[in-house]
């Protein structure tokens, strides 16, 4: 029975600190291991660097293709460019030629 003069228990003094420790532990764990925590940030950073490298490679390839298109589309296509492209597409060569395949047109 609760009375006005009840004896305070020792357990009551530890409830608030225990809840505080549980609260801080929960959020501290998720700050490090959560979806947006420190470890996930490291993974995102590695993916960003890898994708920047891929972008640089694709940009260089695109610029190379743009230069080739500019050579072919200005109305005065160079004869050696036309010859090279036709030989590659038709898979033809002369008997006295040495053929080295590169992946220029892929």
C-alpha atoms as a PDB file:
ATOM      1  CA  UNK A   1       0.000   0.000   0.000  1.00  0.00           C
ATOM      2  CA  UNK A   2       1.329   3.421  -0.945  1.00  0.00           C
ATOM      3  CA  UNK A   3       1.461   5.898   1.778  1.00  0.00           C
ATOM      4  CA  UNK A   4       2.703   9.386   2.089  1.00  0.00           C
ATOM      5  CA  UNK A   5       5.775   8.209   3.922  1.00  0.00           C
ATOM      6  CA  UNK A   6       6.878   5.235   1.831  1.00  0.00           C
ATOM      7  CA  UNK A   7      10.484   4.139   1.850  1.00  0.00           C
ATOM      8  CA  UNK A   8      12.394   5.058  -1.350  1.00  0.00           C
ATOM      9  CA  UNK A   9      13.913   2.104  -3.131  1.00  0.00           C
ATOM     10  CA  UNK A  10      17.501   2.022  -4.357  1.00  0.00           C
ATOM     11  CA  UNK A  11      16.344   0.657  -7.716  1.00  0.00           C
ATOM     12  CA  UNK A  12      14.479   3.889  -8.513  1.00  0.00           C
ATOM     13  CA  UNK A  13      17.729   5.847  -8.641  1.00  0.00           C
ATOM     14  CA  UNK A  14      19.064   3.727 -11.526  1.00  0.00           C
ATOM     15  CA  UNK A  15      16.056   3.819 -13.864  1.00  0.00           C
ATOM     16  CA  UNK A  16      16.838   7.159 -15.522  1.00  0.00           C
ATOM     17  CA  UNK A  17      20.578   6.473 -15.985  1.00  0.00           C
ATOM     18  CA  UNK A  18      19.796   2.993 -17.364  1.00  0.00           C
ATOM     19  CA  UNK A  19      17.325   4.447 -19.862  1.00  0.00           C
ATOM     20  CA  UNK A  20      19.891   7.075 -20.860  1.00  0.00           C
ATOM     21  CA  UNK A  21      22.587   4.440 -21.428  1.00  0.00           C
ATOM     22  CA  UNK A  22      20.160   2.305 -23.490  1.00  0.00           C
ATOM     23  CA  UNK A  23      19.130   5.360 -25.558  1.00  0.00           C
ATOM     24  CA  UNK A  24      22.713   6.427 -26.267  1.00  0.00           C
ATOM     25  CA  UNK A  25      23.805   2.856 -27.019  1.00  0.00           C
ATOM     26  CA  UNK A  26      21.006   2.368 -29.532  1.00  0.00           C
ATOM     27  CA  UNK A  27      21.677   5.573 -31.449  1.00  0.00           C
ATOM     28  CA  UNK A  28      25.459   5.220 -31.125  1.00  0.00           C
ATOM     29  CA  UNK A  29      25.323   1.767 -32.713  1.00  0.00           C
ATOM     30  CA  UNK A  30      23.211   3.036 -35.614  1.00  0.00           C
ATOM     31  CA  UNK A  31      25.520   6.021 -36.151  1.00  0.00           C
ATOM     32  CA  UNK A  32      28.283   3.578 -36.981  1.00  0.00           C
ATOM     33  CA  UNK A  33      26.537   0.502 -38.431  1.00  0.00           C
ATOM     34  CA  UNK A  34      23.262   1.945 -39.771  1.00  0.00           C
ATOM     35  CA  UNK A  35      22.187   2.544 -43.365  1.00  0.00           C
ATOM     36  CA  UNK A  36      23.678   6.047 -43.309  1.00  0.00           C
ATOM     37  CA  UNK A  37      26.353   5.450 -40.666  1.00  0.00           C
ATOM     38  CA  UNK A  38      30.113   5.782 -40.870  1.00  0.00           C
ATOM     39  CA  UNK A  39      30.688   2.379 -42.479  1.00  0.00           C
ATOM     40  CA  UNK A  40      27.999   2.984 -45.117  1.00  0.00           C
ATOM     41  CA  UNK A  41      29.537   6.382 -45.876  1.00  0.00           C
ATOM     42  CA  UNK A  42      32.860   4.670 -46.583  1.00  0.00           C
ATOM     43  CA  UNK A  43      31.162   2.251 -48.989  1.00  0.00           C
ATOM     44  CA  UNK A  44      29.378   5.143 -50.736  1.00  0.00           C
ATOM     45  CA  UNK A  45      32.673   6.998 -51.124  1.00  0.00           C
ATOM     46  CA  UNK A  46      34.355   3.967 -52.732  1.00  0.00           C
ATOM     47  CA  UNK A  47      31.443   3.596 -55.159  1.00  0.00           C
ATOM     48  CA  UNK A  48      31.655   7.298 -56.042  1.00  0.00           C
ATOM     49  CA  UNK A  49      35.372   7.058 -56.848  1.00  0.00           C
ATOM     50  CA  UNK A  50      34.831   3.927 -58.952  1.00  0.00           C
ATOM     51  CA  UNK A  51      32.011   5.552 -60.901  1.00  0.00           C
ATOM     52  CA  UNK A  52      34.087   8.664 -61.513  1.00  0.00           C
ATOM     53  CA  UNK A  53      36.732   6.441 -63.120  1.00  0.00           C
ATOM     54  CA  UNK A  54      34.081   4.791 -65.295  1.00  0.00           C
ATOM     55  CA  UNK A  55      32.801   8.237 -66.286  1.00  0.00           C
ATOM     56  CA  UNK A  56      36.305   9.338 -67.312  1.00  0.00           C
ATOM     57  CA  UNK A  57      36.729   6.239 -69.494  1.00  0.00           C
ATOM     58  CA  UNK A  58      33.322   6.685 -71.118  1.00  0.00           C
ATOM     59  CA  UNK A  59      33.948  10.389 -71.687  1.00  0.00           C
ATOM     60  CA  UNK A  60      37.239   9.643 -73.445  1.00  0.00           C
ATOM     61  CA  UNK A  61      35.552   7.003 -75.601  1.00  0.00           C
ATOM     62  CA  UNK A  62      32.760   9.425 -76.487  1.00  0.00           C
ATOM     63  CA  UNK A  63      35.237  12.147 -77.481  1.00  0.00           C
ATOM     64  CA  UNK A  64      37.091   9.652 -79.677  1.00  0.00           C
ATOM     65  CA  UNK A  65      33.858   8.678 -81.410  1.00  0.00           C
ATOM     66  CA  UNK A  66      32.874  12.337 -81.841  1.00  0.00           C
ATOM     67  CA  UNK A  67      36.206  13.026 -83.557  1.00  0.00           C
ATOM     68  CA  UNK A  68      35.640  10.094 -85.908  1.00  0.00           C
ATOM     69  CA  UNK A  69      32.124  11.257 -86.737  1.00  0.00           C
ATOM     70  CA  UNK A  70      33.412  14.776 -87.390  1.00  0.00           C
ATOM     71  CA  UNK A  71      35.942  13.374 -89.876  1.00  0.00           C
ATOM     72  CA  UNK A  72      33.247  11.379 -91.671  1.00  0.00           C
ATOM     73  CA  UNK A  73      30.390  13.881 -91.668  1.00  0.00           C
ATOM     74  CA  UNK A  74      31.888  17.158 -92.859  1.00  0.00           C
ATOM     75  CA  UNK A  75      31.265  16.267 -96.520  1.00  0.00           C
ATOM     76  CA  UNK A  76      34.882  15.674 -97.407  1.00  0.00           C
ATOM     77  CA  UNK A  77      35.528  12.229 -96.012  1.00  0.00           C
ATOM     78  CA  UNK A  78      39.163  11.356 -96.166  1.00  0.00           C
ATOM     79  CA  UNK A  79      40.023   8.437 -98.417  1.00  0.00           C
ATOM     80  CA  UNK A  80      42.134   6.570 -95.882  1.00  0.00           C
ATOM     81  CA  UNK A  81      39.319   6.810 -93.302  1.00  0.00           C
ATOM     82  CA  UNK A  82      36.827   5.442 -95.816  1.00  0.00           C
ATOM     83  CA  UNK A  83      39.234   2.692 -96.853  1.00  0.00           C
ATOM     84  CA  UNK A  84      39.931   1.700 -93.255  1.00  0.00           C
ATOM     85  CA  UNK A  85      36.238   1.589 -92.359  1.00  0.00           C
ATOM     86  CA  UNK A  86      35.287  -0.427 -95.459  1.00  0.00           C
ATOM     87  CA  UNK A  87      38.051  -2.978 -94.871  1.00  0.00           C
ATOM     88  CA  UNK A  88      36.974  -3.382 -91.262  1.00  0.00           C
ATOM     89  CA  UNK A  89      33.285  -3.813 -92.096  1.00  0.00           C
ATOM     90  CA  UNK A  90      33.849  -6.160 -95.041  1.00  0.00           C
ATOM     91  CA  UNK A  91      36.687  -8.073 -93.398  1.00  0.00           C
ATOM     92  CA  UNK A  92      38.740  -7.799 -96.588  1.00  0.00           C
ATOM     93  CA  UNK A  93      42.426  -7.146 -97.211  1.00  0.00           C
ATOM     94  CA  UNK A  94      44.980  -7.472 -99.969  1.00  0.00           C
ATOM     95  CA  UNK A  95      47.353 -10.413-100.162  1.00  0.00           C
ATOM     96  CA  UNK A  96      50.418  -8.288 -99.392  1.00  0.00           C
ATOM     97  CA  UNK A  97      48.944  -6.580 -96.271  1.00  0.00           C
ATOM     98  CA  UNK A  98      49.325  -7.399 -92.623  1.00  0.00           C
ATOM     99  CA  UNK A  99      46.084  -6.933 -90.676  1.00  0.00           C
ATOM    100  CA  UNK A 100      46.085  -5.931 -87.009  1.00  0.00           C
ATOM    101  CA  UNK A 101      42.627  -5.725 -85.451  1.00  0.00           C
ATOM    102  CA  UNK A 102      41.883  -3.084 -82.849  1.00  0.00           C
ATOM    103  CA  UNK A 103      38.505  -2.338 -81.364  1.00  0.00           C
ATOM    104  CA  UNK A 104      38.213   1.178 -82.804  1.00  0.00           C
ATOM    105  CA  UNK A 105      34.723   0.694 -84.168  1.00  0.00           C
ATOM    106  CA  UNK A 106      33.159  -1.281 -81.329  1.00  0.00           C
END
